[in-house]
N, C-alpha and C. Protein backbone atom coordinates (compact mmCIF):
# COMPACT_ATOMS: atom_id res chain seq x y z
N UNK A 1 -205.12 -58.89 -203.24
CA UNK A 1 -205.20 -57.44 -202.97
C UNK A 1 -204.44 -57.15 -201.65
N UNK A 2 -204.08 -55.95 -201.36
CA UNK A 2 -203.35 -55.56 -200.18
C UNK A 2 -204.24 -54.66 -199.34
N UNK A 3 -204.00 -54.82 -198.09
CA UNK A 3 -204.80 -53.85 -197.20
C UNK A 3 -204.17 -52.49 -197.22
N UNK A 4 -204.97 -51.47 -197.53
CA UNK A 4 -204.49 -50.14 -197.67
C UNK A 4 -203.96 -49.57 -196.33
N UNK A 5 -204.36 -50.28 -195.20
CA UNK A 5 -203.98 -49.70 -193.91
C UNK A 5 -202.68 -50.16 -193.45
N UNK A 6 -202.53 -51.69 -193.52
CA UNK A 6 -201.28 -52.25 -193.02
C UNK A 6 -200.42 -52.94 -194.03
N UNK A 7 -201.13 -53.16 -195.17
CA UNK A 7 -200.30 -53.82 -196.33
C UNK A 7 -200.37 -55.29 -196.30
N UNK A 8 -201.21 -55.88 -195.50
CA UNK A 8 -201.37 -57.31 -195.45
C UNK A 8 -201.99 -57.86 -196.72
N UNK A 9 -201.43 -58.92 -197.32
CA UNK A 9 -202.08 -59.51 -198.52
C UNK A 9 -203.26 -60.30 -198.17
N UNK A 10 -204.35 -59.91 -198.86
CA UNK A 10 -205.66 -60.55 -198.58
C UNK A 10 -206.32 -61.03 -199.82
N UNK A 11 -207.32 -61.92 -199.73
CA UNK A 11 -208.03 -62.45 -200.95
C UNK A 11 -208.87 -61.36 -201.43
N UNK A 12 -209.16 -61.36 -202.76
CA UNK A 12 -210.04 -60.44 -203.36
C UNK A 12 -211.51 -60.56 -202.78
N UNK A 13 -212.10 -59.51 -202.50
CA UNK A 13 -213.42 -59.54 -202.04
C UNK A 13 -213.60 -59.54 -200.52
N UNK A 14 -212.37 -59.54 -199.78
CA UNK A 14 -212.38 -59.65 -198.32
C UNK A 14 -212.98 -58.25 -197.92
N UNK A 15 -213.93 -58.34 -196.92
CA UNK A 15 -214.54 -57.06 -196.34
C UNK A 15 -213.66 -56.41 -195.33
N UNK A 16 -212.99 -57.15 -194.43
CA UNK A 16 -212.22 -56.65 -193.29
C UNK A 16 -210.86 -57.29 -193.28
N UNK A 17 -209.82 -56.49 -193.03
CA UNK A 17 -208.46 -56.96 -192.99
C UNK A 17 -208.41 -57.91 -191.78
N UNK A 18 -207.76 -59.12 -191.94
CA UNK A 18 -207.58 -60.07 -190.90
C UNK A 18 -206.50 -59.73 -189.92
N UNK A 19 -205.68 -58.82 -190.37
CA UNK A 19 -204.57 -58.34 -189.46
C UNK A 19 -204.93 -57.14 -188.64
N UNK A 20 -205.51 -56.05 -189.25
CA UNK A 20 -205.69 -54.82 -188.56
C UNK A 20 -207.15 -54.58 -188.35
N UNK A 21 -208.13 -55.34 -189.10
CA UNK A 21 -209.47 -55.16 -188.85
C UNK A 21 -210.01 -53.96 -189.71
N UNK A 22 -209.31 -53.46 -190.52
CA UNK A 22 -209.69 -52.22 -191.33
C UNK A 22 -210.84 -52.58 -192.29
N UNK A 23 -211.87 -51.76 -192.47
CA UNK A 23 -212.94 -51.95 -193.43
C UNK A 23 -212.48 -51.66 -194.75
N UNK A 24 -212.32 -52.77 -195.51
CA UNK A 24 -211.84 -52.62 -196.87
C UNK A 24 -212.95 -52.11 -197.93
N UNK A 25 -214.22 -52.24 -197.55
CA UNK A 25 -215.23 -51.72 -198.47
C UNK A 25 -215.19 -50.18 -198.54
N UNK A 26 -214.90 -49.59 -197.39
CA UNK A 26 -214.77 -48.18 -197.47
C UNK A 26 -213.69 -47.61 -198.34
N UNK A 27 -212.49 -48.46 -198.25
CA UNK A 27 -211.38 -48.04 -199.08
C UNK A 27 -211.59 -48.22 -200.56
N UNK A 28 -212.45 -49.24 -200.90
CA UNK A 28 -212.73 -49.55 -202.26
C UNK A 28 -213.65 -48.46 -202.86
N UNK A 29 -214.65 -48.14 -202.07
CA UNK A 29 -215.62 -47.18 -202.55
C UNK A 29 -215.15 -45.74 -202.51
N UNK A 30 -214.31 -45.39 -201.52
CA UNK A 30 -213.85 -44.06 -201.42
C UNK A 30 -212.32 -44.08 -201.38
N UNK A 31 -211.74 -44.18 -202.56
CA UNK A 31 -210.21 -44.20 -202.59
C UNK A 31 -209.65 -42.87 -202.02
N UNK A 32 -208.54 -43.06 -201.43
CA UNK A 32 -207.84 -41.90 -200.91
C UNK A 32 -207.27 -41.10 -202.01
N UNK A 33 -207.40 -39.76 -202.01
CA UNK A 33 -206.79 -38.97 -202.94
C UNK A 33 -205.30 -39.18 -203.05
N UNK A 34 -204.73 -39.10 -204.22
CA UNK A 34 -203.21 -39.22 -204.37
C UNK A 34 -202.62 -38.01 -203.83
N UNK A 35 -201.49 -38.20 -203.15
CA UNK A 35 -200.74 -37.10 -202.58
C UNK A 35 -200.25 -36.22 -203.68
N UNK A 36 -200.22 -34.90 -203.32
CA UNK A 36 -199.75 -33.92 -204.33
C UNK A 36 -198.30 -34.10 -204.70
N UNK A 37 -198.02 -33.83 -205.88
CA UNK A 37 -196.64 -33.93 -206.37
C UNK A 37 -195.78 -32.95 -205.65
N UNK A 38 -194.52 -33.39 -205.23
CA UNK A 38 -193.70 -32.50 -204.50
C UNK A 38 -192.77 -31.81 -205.54
N UNK A 39 -192.43 -30.65 -205.13
CA UNK A 39 -191.36 -29.85 -205.86
C UNK A 39 -191.83 -29.49 -207.27
N UNK A 40 -193.22 -29.47 -207.43
CA UNK A 40 -193.75 -29.01 -208.73
C UNK A 40 -193.78 -27.57 -208.82
N UNK A 41 -193.17 -26.90 -209.80
CA UNK A 41 -193.19 -25.44 -209.98
C UNK A 41 -194.61 -24.86 -210.17
N UNK A 42 -194.83 -23.75 -209.59
CA UNK A 42 -196.12 -23.16 -209.89
C UNK A 42 -196.28 -22.71 -211.25
N UNK A 43 -197.48 -22.75 -211.79
CA UNK A 43 -197.72 -22.32 -213.15
C UNK A 43 -197.34 -20.86 -213.33
N UNK A 44 -196.54 -20.54 -214.42
CA UNK A 44 -196.16 -19.05 -214.65
C UNK A 44 -197.27 -18.42 -215.39
N UNK A 45 -197.45 -17.06 -215.19
CA UNK A 45 -198.51 -16.41 -216.01
C UNK A 45 -198.00 -16.23 -217.38
N UNK A 46 -198.93 -16.12 -218.39
CA UNK A 46 -198.59 -15.92 -219.67
C UNK A 46 -197.99 -14.56 -219.98
N UNK A 47 -196.86 -14.49 -220.64
CA UNK A 47 -196.21 -13.22 -220.99
C UNK A 47 -196.75 -12.73 -222.29
N UNK A 48 -196.97 -11.35 -222.36
CA UNK A 48 -197.48 -10.89 -223.55
C UNK A 48 -196.43 -10.93 -224.72
N UNK A 49 -196.82 -11.22 -225.89
CA UNK A 49 -195.78 -11.37 -226.99
C UNK A 49 -195.04 -9.99 -227.21
N UNK A 50 -193.74 -10.09 -227.53
CA UNK A 50 -193.03 -8.88 -227.86
C UNK A 50 -193.43 -8.22 -229.12
N UNK A 51 -193.52 -6.93 -229.08
CA UNK A 51 -193.94 -6.24 -230.32
C UNK A 51 -192.97 -6.41 -231.41
N UNK A 52 -193.42 -6.53 -232.71
CA UNK A 52 -192.57 -6.66 -233.80
C UNK A 52 -192.52 -5.39 -234.55
N UNK A 53 -191.30 -5.06 -235.12
CA UNK A 53 -191.20 -3.87 -235.91
C UNK A 53 -191.92 -4.07 -237.21
N UNK A 54 -192.63 -3.09 -237.70
CA UNK A 54 -193.27 -3.21 -238.99
C UNK A 54 -192.22 -3.08 -240.12
N UNK A 55 -192.60 -3.40 -241.37
CA UNK A 55 -191.72 -3.20 -242.44
C UNK A 55 -191.44 -1.72 -242.76
N UNK A 56 -192.41 -0.89 -242.47
CA UNK A 56 -192.19 0.57 -242.65
C UNK A 56 -191.13 1.12 -241.67
N UNK A 57 -191.03 0.55 -240.43
CA UNK A 57 -190.09 0.97 -239.52
C UNK A 57 -188.67 0.54 -240.00
N UNK A 58 -188.54 -0.65 -240.56
CA UNK A 58 -187.24 -1.14 -241.00
C UNK A 58 -186.83 -0.33 -242.27
N UNK A 59 -187.74 0.05 -243.09
CA UNK A 59 -187.43 0.83 -244.20
C UNK A 59 -187.00 2.21 -243.89
N UNK A 60 -187.61 2.78 -242.72
CA UNK A 60 -187.23 4.07 -242.25
C UNK A 60 -185.87 4.04 -241.73
N UNK A 61 -185.51 3.00 -240.97
CA UNK A 61 -184.17 2.93 -240.38
C UNK A 61 -183.11 2.82 -241.48
N UNK A 62 -183.39 1.96 -242.40
CA UNK A 62 -182.49 1.82 -243.54
C UNK A 62 -182.21 3.12 -244.32
N UNK A 63 -183.35 3.84 -244.55
CA UNK A 63 -183.30 5.08 -245.30
C UNK A 63 -182.40 6.06 -244.46
N UNK A 64 -182.59 6.10 -243.20
CA UNK A 64 -181.68 7.06 -242.40
C UNK A 64 -180.31 6.62 -242.40
N UNK A 65 -180.01 5.38 -242.40
CA UNK A 65 -178.63 4.88 -242.43
C UNK A 65 -177.96 5.24 -243.73
N UNK A 66 -178.69 5.09 -244.83
CA UNK A 66 -178.13 5.49 -246.15
C UNK A 66 -177.93 6.91 -246.28
N UNK A 67 -178.92 7.70 -245.76
CA UNK A 67 -178.74 9.20 -245.80
C UNK A 67 -177.46 9.62 -244.99
N UNK A 68 -177.28 8.98 -243.78
CA UNK A 68 -176.14 9.34 -243.00
C UNK A 68 -174.87 9.01 -243.63
N UNK A 69 -174.85 7.87 -244.36
CA UNK A 69 -173.64 7.47 -245.05
C UNK A 69 -173.30 8.43 -246.22
N UNK A 70 -174.39 8.83 -246.92
CA UNK A 70 -174.27 9.79 -248.04
C UNK A 70 -173.67 11.18 -247.52
N UNK A 71 -174.22 11.59 -246.37
CA UNK A 71 -173.67 12.90 -245.87
C UNK A 71 -172.21 12.77 -245.50
N UNK A 72 -171.80 11.72 -244.97
CA UNK A 72 -170.32 11.47 -244.61
C UNK A 72 -169.49 11.46 -245.80
N UNK A 73 -169.98 10.81 -246.89
CA UNK A 73 -169.24 10.70 -248.12
C UNK A 73 -169.03 12.12 -248.74
N UNK A 74 -170.12 12.89 -248.68
CA UNK A 74 -170.09 14.16 -249.30
C UNK A 74 -169.17 15.13 -248.51
N UNK A 75 -169.07 15.02 -247.20
CA UNK A 75 -168.32 15.80 -246.32
C UNK A 75 -166.83 15.50 -246.56
N UNK A 76 -166.54 14.27 -246.94
CA UNK A 76 -165.16 13.85 -247.21
C UNK A 76 -164.77 14.23 -248.62
N UNK A 77 -165.69 14.21 -249.58
CA UNK A 77 -165.43 14.47 -251.04
C UNK A 77 -165.42 15.88 -251.37
N UNK A 78 -166.13 16.74 -250.73
CA UNK A 78 -166.22 18.17 -251.14
C UNK A 78 -164.84 18.86 -251.05
N UNK A 79 -164.10 18.72 -249.98
CA UNK A 79 -162.77 19.42 -249.92
C UNK A 79 -161.84 18.99 -251.06
N UNK A 80 -161.92 17.64 -251.25
CA UNK A 80 -161.02 17.11 -252.35
C UNK A 80 -161.41 17.67 -253.75
N UNK A 81 -162.76 17.83 -253.93
CA UNK A 81 -163.26 18.36 -255.27
C UNK A 81 -162.88 19.83 -255.37
N UNK A 82 -162.98 20.63 -254.26
CA UNK A 82 -162.64 22.00 -254.35
C UNK A 82 -161.14 22.21 -254.60
N UNK A 83 -160.31 21.41 -253.98
CA UNK A 83 -158.85 21.50 -254.30
C UNK A 83 -158.58 21.17 -255.70
N UNK A 84 -159.27 20.05 -256.24
CA UNK A 84 -159.03 19.72 -257.59
C UNK A 84 -159.46 20.84 -258.61
N UNK A 85 -160.59 21.47 -258.23
CA UNK A 85 -161.18 22.57 -259.04
C UNK A 85 -160.20 23.79 -259.09
N UNK A 86 -159.64 24.05 -257.85
CA UNK A 86 -158.65 25.21 -257.77
C UNK A 86 -157.39 24.98 -258.54
N UNK A 87 -156.86 23.74 -258.53
CA UNK A 87 -155.67 23.34 -259.22
C UNK A 87 -155.89 23.44 -260.73
N UNK A 88 -157.11 22.99 -261.17
CA UNK A 88 -157.41 23.04 -262.58
C UNK A 88 -157.47 24.45 -263.07
N UNK A 89 -158.01 25.41 -262.24
CA UNK A 89 -158.02 26.81 -262.68
C UNK A 89 -156.62 27.44 -262.85
N UNK A 90 -155.66 26.82 -262.18
CA UNK A 90 -154.30 27.33 -262.43
C UNK A 90 -153.72 27.03 -263.75
N UNK A 91 -154.41 26.34 -264.61
CA UNK A 91 -153.96 26.10 -265.97
C UNK A 91 -154.00 27.46 -266.77
N UNK A 92 -154.91 28.38 -266.34
CA UNK A 92 -155.09 29.61 -267.13
C UNK A 92 -153.73 30.51 -267.03
N UNK A 93 -153.09 30.76 -265.92
CA UNK A 93 -151.95 31.56 -265.94
C UNK A 93 -150.78 30.80 -266.55
N UNK A 94 -150.76 29.44 -266.46
CA UNK A 94 -149.63 28.69 -267.06
C UNK A 94 -149.74 28.92 -268.55
N UNK A 95 -150.83 28.77 -269.19
CA UNK A 95 -150.92 28.97 -270.64
C UNK A 95 -150.76 30.30 -271.07
N UNK A 96 -151.40 31.30 -270.39
CA UNK A 96 -151.26 32.74 -270.76
C UNK A 96 -149.83 33.31 -270.53
N UNK A 97 -149.20 32.87 -269.50
CA UNK A 97 -147.81 33.38 -269.29
C UNK A 97 -146.99 32.80 -270.43
N UNK A 98 -147.14 31.46 -270.74
CA UNK A 98 -146.42 30.94 -271.91
C UNK A 98 -146.66 31.73 -273.17
N UNK A 99 -147.94 32.18 -273.38
CA UNK A 99 -148.29 33.03 -274.50
C UNK A 99 -147.55 34.39 -274.53
N UNK A 100 -147.40 34.86 -273.29
CA UNK A 100 -146.58 36.12 -273.15
C UNK A 100 -145.19 35.96 -273.52
N UNK A 101 -144.58 34.90 -273.02
CA UNK A 101 -143.15 34.55 -273.42
C UNK A 101 -143.04 34.47 -274.87
N UNK A 102 -143.94 33.79 -275.63
CA UNK A 102 -143.87 33.68 -277.08
C UNK A 102 -144.02 34.98 -277.73
N UNK A 103 -144.91 35.82 -277.23
CA UNK A 103 -145.09 37.19 -277.81
C UNK A 103 -143.89 38.04 -277.62
N UNK A 104 -143.35 38.08 -276.50
CA UNK A 104 -142.11 38.84 -276.13
C UNK A 104 -140.99 38.30 -276.98
N UNK A 105 -140.78 37.05 -277.10
CA UNK A 105 -139.73 36.56 -277.96
C UNK A 105 -139.84 37.00 -279.46
N UNK A 106 -141.13 37.00 -279.85
CA UNK A 106 -141.31 37.53 -281.26
C UNK A 106 -141.10 39.00 -281.36
N UNK A 107 -141.46 39.77 -280.39
CA UNK A 107 -141.30 41.18 -280.42
C UNK A 107 -139.81 41.54 -280.31
N UNK A 108 -139.06 40.77 -279.53
CA UNK A 108 -137.65 41.03 -279.48
C UNK A 108 -136.93 40.71 -280.80
N UNK A 109 -137.38 39.66 -281.45
CA UNK A 109 -136.79 39.34 -282.77
C UNK A 109 -137.03 40.48 -283.77
N UNK A 110 -138.13 41.28 -283.69
CA UNK A 110 -138.26 42.28 -284.58
C UNK A 110 -137.73 43.61 -284.16
N UNK A 111 -137.79 43.95 -282.79
CA UNK A 111 -137.43 45.28 -282.39
C UNK A 111 -136.07 45.27 -281.63
N UNK A 112 -135.58 44.07 -281.37
CA UNK A 112 -134.34 43.93 -280.60
C UNK A 112 -134.52 44.57 -279.13
N UNK A 113 -135.68 44.50 -278.70
CA UNK A 113 -135.96 44.81 -277.28
C UNK A 113 -137.30 44.12 -276.90
N UNK A 114 -137.50 44.09 -275.58
CA UNK A 114 -138.76 43.51 -275.11
C UNK A 114 -139.84 44.57 -274.90
N UNK A 115 -141.06 44.18 -275.10
CA UNK A 115 -142.22 45.08 -275.00
C UNK A 115 -142.67 45.29 -273.43
N UNK A 116 -142.87 46.62 -273.24
CA UNK A 116 -143.32 46.93 -271.90
C UNK A 116 -144.83 46.85 -271.66
N UNK A 117 -145.62 46.59 -272.80
CA UNK A 117 -147.07 46.57 -272.67
C UNK A 117 -147.54 45.40 -273.50
N UNK A 118 -148.75 44.99 -273.23
CA UNK A 118 -149.35 43.87 -274.05
C UNK A 118 -149.88 44.46 -275.37
N UNK A 119 -150.31 45.70 -275.42
CA UNK A 119 -150.69 46.24 -276.67
C UNK A 119 -149.59 46.34 -277.74
N UNK A 120 -148.33 46.67 -277.17
CA UNK A 120 -147.19 46.76 -278.06
C UNK A 120 -146.90 45.42 -278.94
N UNK A 121 -147.15 44.31 -278.28
CA UNK A 121 -146.95 43.05 -278.93
C UNK A 121 -148.26 42.33 -279.44
N UNK A 122 -149.37 43.08 -279.27
CA UNK A 122 -150.77 42.67 -279.70
C UNK A 122 -151.04 41.29 -279.01
N UNK A 123 -150.99 41.23 -277.68
CA UNK A 123 -151.29 40.05 -276.93
C UNK A 123 -152.54 40.25 -276.05
N UNK A 124 -153.41 39.28 -275.97
CA UNK A 124 -154.52 39.30 -275.03
C UNK A 124 -154.72 37.89 -274.44
N UNK A 125 -155.07 37.89 -273.12
CA UNK A 125 -155.17 36.57 -272.46
C UNK A 125 -156.41 35.74 -272.96
N UNK A 126 -156.28 34.50 -272.79
CA UNK A 126 -157.37 33.50 -273.13
C UNK A 126 -157.94 32.97 -271.86
N UNK A 127 -159.25 32.67 -271.90
CA UNK A 127 -159.92 32.01 -270.77
C UNK A 127 -160.33 30.68 -271.04
N UNK A 128 -161.42 30.21 -270.42
CA UNK A 128 -162.01 28.83 -270.54
C UNK A 128 -161.05 27.67 -270.31
N UNK A 129 -160.42 27.87 -269.13
CA UNK A 129 -159.47 26.75 -268.61
C UNK A 129 -160.11 25.97 -267.49
N UNK A 130 -159.76 24.71 -267.33
CA UNK A 130 -160.12 24.03 -266.20
C UNK A 130 -161.47 23.26 -266.41
N UNK A 131 -162.01 22.57 -265.28
CA UNK A 131 -163.19 21.69 -265.49
C UNK A 131 -164.50 22.58 -265.58
N UNK A 132 -164.36 23.80 -265.15
CA UNK A 132 -165.60 24.63 -265.25
C UNK A 132 -165.32 25.92 -266.08
N UNK A 133 -165.11 25.83 -267.36
CA UNK A 133 -164.69 26.99 -268.15
C UNK A 133 -165.74 28.04 -268.10
N UNK A 134 -165.34 29.33 -268.04
CA UNK A 134 -166.17 30.42 -267.98
C UNK A 134 -166.81 30.66 -269.24
N UNK A 135 -168.03 31.03 -269.19
CA UNK A 135 -168.80 31.34 -270.43
C UNK A 135 -168.11 32.35 -271.43
N UNK A 136 -167.85 32.06 -272.63
CA UNK A 136 -167.24 33.03 -273.52
C UNK A 136 -165.69 33.16 -273.33
N UNK A 137 -165.15 32.23 -272.61
CA UNK A 137 -163.67 32.28 -272.38
C UNK A 137 -163.20 33.37 -271.51
N UNK A 138 -164.01 33.72 -270.47
CA UNK A 138 -163.54 34.90 -269.53
C UNK A 138 -162.47 34.39 -268.67
N UNK A 139 -161.61 35.36 -268.25
CA UNK A 139 -160.41 35.09 -267.50
C UNK A 139 -160.60 35.28 -266.04
N UNK A 140 -159.84 34.69 -265.14
CA UNK A 140 -159.93 34.76 -263.75
C UNK A 140 -158.68 35.47 -263.12
N UNK A 141 -157.60 35.72 -263.99
CA UNK A 141 -156.40 36.29 -263.50
C UNK A 141 -156.12 37.66 -264.14
N UNK A 142 -155.48 38.49 -263.37
CA UNK A 142 -154.89 39.79 -263.87
C UNK A 142 -153.48 39.55 -264.39
N UNK A 143 -153.12 40.22 -265.49
CA UNK A 143 -151.77 40.05 -266.09
C UNK A 143 -151.03 41.38 -266.10
N UNK A 144 -149.76 41.37 -265.67
CA UNK A 144 -149.05 42.62 -265.42
C UNK A 144 -147.78 42.63 -266.17
N UNK A 145 -147.52 43.80 -266.94
CA UNK A 145 -146.26 44.18 -267.39
C UNK A 145 -146.01 45.63 -266.85
N UNK A 146 -144.76 46.15 -266.87
CA UNK A 146 -144.56 47.53 -266.36
C UNK A 146 -145.52 48.59 -266.95
N UNK A 147 -145.86 48.43 -268.26
CA UNK A 147 -146.56 49.51 -268.88
C UNK A 147 -148.12 49.26 -268.98
N UNK A 148 -148.61 48.03 -268.56
CA UNK A 148 -149.96 47.77 -268.74
C UNK A 148 -150.47 46.67 -267.87
N UNK A 149 -151.73 46.69 -267.44
CA UNK A 149 -152.42 45.72 -266.63
C UNK A 149 -153.67 45.26 -267.32
N UNK A 150 -153.96 44.04 -267.51
CA UNK A 150 -155.20 43.55 -267.93
C UNK A 150 -155.93 42.73 -266.80
N UNK A 151 -157.00 43.32 -266.38
CA UNK A 151 -157.73 42.75 -265.17
C UNK A 151 -158.60 41.58 -265.71
N UNK A 152 -159.04 40.68 -264.76
CA UNK A 152 -159.80 39.53 -265.22
C UNK A 152 -161.24 39.95 -265.43
N UNK A 153 -161.92 39.07 -266.13
CA UNK A 153 -163.35 39.25 -266.32
C UNK A 153 -164.28 38.61 -265.25
N UNK A 154 -163.60 37.77 -264.51
CA UNK A 154 -164.33 37.08 -263.29
C UNK A 154 -163.49 37.43 -262.16
N UNK A 155 -164.05 38.09 -261.10
CA UNK A 155 -163.32 38.54 -259.91
C UNK A 155 -162.48 39.76 -260.17
N UNK A 156 -161.66 40.11 -259.16
CA UNK A 156 -160.79 41.21 -259.27
C UNK A 156 -161.49 42.52 -259.04
N UNK A 157 -160.90 43.61 -259.21
CA UNK A 157 -159.51 43.75 -259.77
C UNK A 157 -158.46 43.42 -258.71
N UNK A 158 -157.33 42.91 -259.21
CA UNK A 158 -156.26 42.47 -258.38
C UNK A 158 -155.11 43.45 -258.41
N UNK A 159 -154.31 43.60 -257.35
CA UNK A 159 -153.13 44.32 -257.37
C UNK A 159 -151.90 43.43 -257.09
N UNK A 160 -150.83 43.95 -257.54
CA UNK A 160 -149.52 43.18 -257.26
C UNK A 160 -149.09 43.21 -255.88
N UNK A 161 -148.72 41.98 -255.38
CA UNK A 161 -148.12 42.08 -253.98
C UNK A 161 -146.89 42.98 -253.92
N UNK A 162 -146.66 43.53 -252.80
CA UNK A 162 -145.62 44.56 -252.82
C UNK A 162 -144.26 43.98 -253.05
N UNK A 163 -143.96 42.78 -252.87
CA UNK A 163 -142.67 42.27 -253.09
C UNK A 163 -142.41 41.71 -254.55
N UNK A 164 -143.55 41.78 -255.33
CA UNK A 164 -143.39 41.23 -256.68
C UNK A 164 -143.64 42.31 -257.69
N UNK A 165 -142.77 42.52 -258.68
CA UNK A 165 -142.96 43.55 -259.70
C UNK A 165 -142.63 42.95 -261.04
N UNK A 166 -143.46 43.40 -262.16
CA UNK A 166 -143.06 43.11 -263.45
C UNK A 166 -141.86 43.93 -263.86
N UNK A 167 -141.06 43.41 -264.77
CA UNK A 167 -139.85 44.12 -265.25
C UNK A 167 -139.67 43.96 -266.73
N UNK A 168 -139.11 44.98 -267.34
CA UNK A 168 -138.72 44.90 -268.74
C UNK A 168 -137.40 45.76 -268.88
N UNK A 169 -136.41 45.12 -269.41
CA UNK A 169 -135.09 45.82 -269.56
C UNK A 169 -134.54 45.30 -270.85
N UNK A 170 -133.32 45.85 -271.22
CA UNK A 170 -132.58 45.44 -272.42
C UNK A 170 -132.16 43.96 -272.22
N UNK A 171 -131.96 43.45 -271.07
CA UNK A 171 -131.56 42.06 -270.94
C UNK A 171 -132.64 41.07 -270.69
N UNK A 172 -133.84 41.50 -270.29
CA UNK A 172 -134.95 40.50 -270.20
C UNK A 172 -136.17 41.12 -269.63
N UNK A 173 -137.16 40.24 -269.20
CA UNK A 173 -138.42 40.74 -268.79
C UNK A 173 -138.97 39.72 -267.76
N UNK A 174 -139.97 40.26 -267.01
CA UNK A 174 -140.69 39.35 -266.07
C UNK A 174 -142.15 39.85 -266.18
N UNK A 175 -143.09 38.93 -266.45
CA UNK A 175 -144.44 39.19 -266.54
C UNK A 175 -145.07 38.45 -265.31
N UNK A 176 -146.21 39.03 -264.78
CA UNK A 176 -146.86 38.48 -263.54
C UNK A 176 -148.33 38.28 -263.83
N UNK A 177 -148.85 37.12 -263.22
CA UNK A 177 -150.29 36.89 -263.23
C UNK A 177 -150.71 36.65 -261.81
N UNK A 178 -151.84 37.35 -261.45
CA UNK A 178 -152.43 37.36 -260.08
C UNK A 178 -153.86 37.02 -260.17
N UNK A 179 -154.32 36.02 -259.32
CA UNK A 179 -155.73 35.73 -259.24
C UNK A 179 -156.17 35.14 -257.86
N UNK A 180 -157.34 34.86 -257.72
CA UNK A 180 -157.92 34.27 -256.54
C UNK A 180 -158.84 33.20 -256.95
N UNK A 181 -158.45 31.90 -256.74
CA UNK A 181 -159.29 30.81 -257.39
C UNK A 181 -160.13 30.09 -256.36
N UNK A 182 -160.04 30.41 -255.13
CA UNK A 182 -160.84 29.68 -254.12
C UNK A 182 -161.63 30.57 -253.20
N UNK A 183 -161.63 31.92 -253.42
CA UNK A 183 -162.43 32.87 -252.62
C UNK A 183 -161.93 33.32 -251.32
N UNK A 184 -160.67 32.79 -250.92
CA UNK A 184 -160.14 33.32 -249.60
C UNK A 184 -159.37 34.60 -249.91
N UNK A 185 -158.57 34.95 -248.82
CA UNK A 185 -157.84 36.26 -248.90
C UNK A 185 -156.54 36.06 -249.59
N UNK A 186 -156.09 34.83 -249.76
CA UNK A 186 -154.75 34.58 -250.39
C UNK A 186 -154.73 34.65 -251.94
N UNK A 187 -153.85 35.36 -252.50
CA UNK A 187 -153.80 35.51 -253.98
C UNK A 187 -152.89 34.42 -254.55
N UNK A 188 -153.27 34.00 -255.74
CA UNK A 188 -152.40 33.11 -256.45
C UNK A 188 -151.50 33.84 -257.43
N UNK A 189 -150.22 33.80 -257.23
CA UNK A 189 -149.33 34.61 -258.04
C UNK A 189 -148.32 33.73 -258.80
N UNK A 190 -148.17 34.08 -260.14
CA UNK A 190 -147.25 33.37 -261.07
C UNK A 190 -146.39 34.38 -261.74
N UNK A 191 -145.18 33.95 -262.14
CA UNK A 191 -144.33 34.78 -262.95
C UNK A 191 -143.65 34.01 -264.06
N UNK A 192 -143.28 34.60 -265.19
CA UNK A 192 -142.44 34.02 -266.14
C UNK A 192 -141.49 35.02 -266.60
N UNK A 193 -140.22 34.63 -266.94
CA UNK A 193 -139.14 35.55 -267.42
C UNK A 193 -138.71 35.22 -268.78
N UNK A 194 -137.72 36.01 -269.18
CA UNK A 194 -137.13 35.76 -270.61
C UNK A 194 -136.43 34.39 -270.73
N UNK A 195 -136.09 33.75 -269.63
CA UNK A 195 -135.55 32.46 -269.74
C UNK A 195 -136.55 31.37 -269.76
N UNK A 196 -137.85 31.77 -269.86
CA UNK A 196 -139.01 30.78 -269.83
C UNK A 196 -139.15 30.01 -268.59
N UNK A 197 -138.75 30.68 -267.41
CA UNK A 197 -138.83 30.01 -266.14
C UNK A 197 -140.20 30.47 -265.57
N UNK A 198 -141.16 29.52 -265.48
CA UNK A 198 -142.47 29.67 -265.01
C UNK A 198 -142.50 29.32 -263.43
N UNK A 199 -142.91 30.26 -262.59
CA UNK A 199 -142.88 29.96 -261.18
C UNK A 199 -144.19 30.40 -260.45
N UNK A 200 -144.63 29.49 -259.65
CA UNK A 200 -145.82 29.79 -258.77
C UNK A 200 -145.23 30.38 -257.52
N UNK A 201 -145.07 31.77 -257.44
CA UNK A 201 -144.42 32.29 -256.27
C UNK A 201 -145.31 32.39 -255.03
N UNK A 202 -146.61 32.33 -255.18
CA UNK A 202 -147.58 32.29 -254.09
C UNK A 202 -148.76 31.34 -254.51
N UNK A 203 -148.84 30.19 -253.88
CA UNK A 203 -149.77 29.18 -254.32
C UNK A 203 -151.05 29.23 -253.43
N UNK A 204 -152.18 29.72 -254.03
CA UNK A 204 -153.42 29.88 -253.42
C UNK A 204 -154.06 28.54 -252.97
N UNK A 205 -153.61 27.47 -253.68
CA UNK A 205 -154.24 26.18 -253.38
C UNK A 205 -153.73 25.61 -252.02
N UNK A 206 -152.55 25.89 -251.70
CA UNK A 206 -151.91 25.33 -250.48
C UNK A 206 -151.92 26.27 -249.31
N UNK A 207 -152.37 27.48 -249.48
CA UNK A 207 -152.35 28.45 -248.37
C UNK A 207 -153.75 28.82 -247.98
């Protein structure tokens, strides 16, 4: 055994140290407390657990994200659809002005002149064109010859632009179709002549 005071090696059971005289019985019965550990960090208080989002919260967030994406898609798609719808409605004047040309050509073959009115050649416009045909084949354009005007059954009445006039002469004719296919102030104006030249002189889709 070792003396706890001076470190001298002693025999087991020795009562007093032969070197320093320390009472070894007191050391055996009352051992010195161990020195505290150095540099030991103080215990940290327990932190409360972080709250977790419930399944309902995640579902609500996901639903809001999907709804927002749907709104963005609709805002991008609606203008394209409206433009497509307006262009489809332009099929009406194309077909009807082609019908006027055919009727005028037939009338000229019989009378050797062009008709100044639709009644003279027994012509009437047709409707139900485009992706949203009007019930009962109703028309959206007004049709003009010098002697007669047929107004549309949807919208209108429409007047001719000042710079555009229908014409009928011994040498030829010009028929005009006027409509408004998107609800703005700009009119959609088409013409056809005796040479079967079909022209969109004022395009309501692009203005």
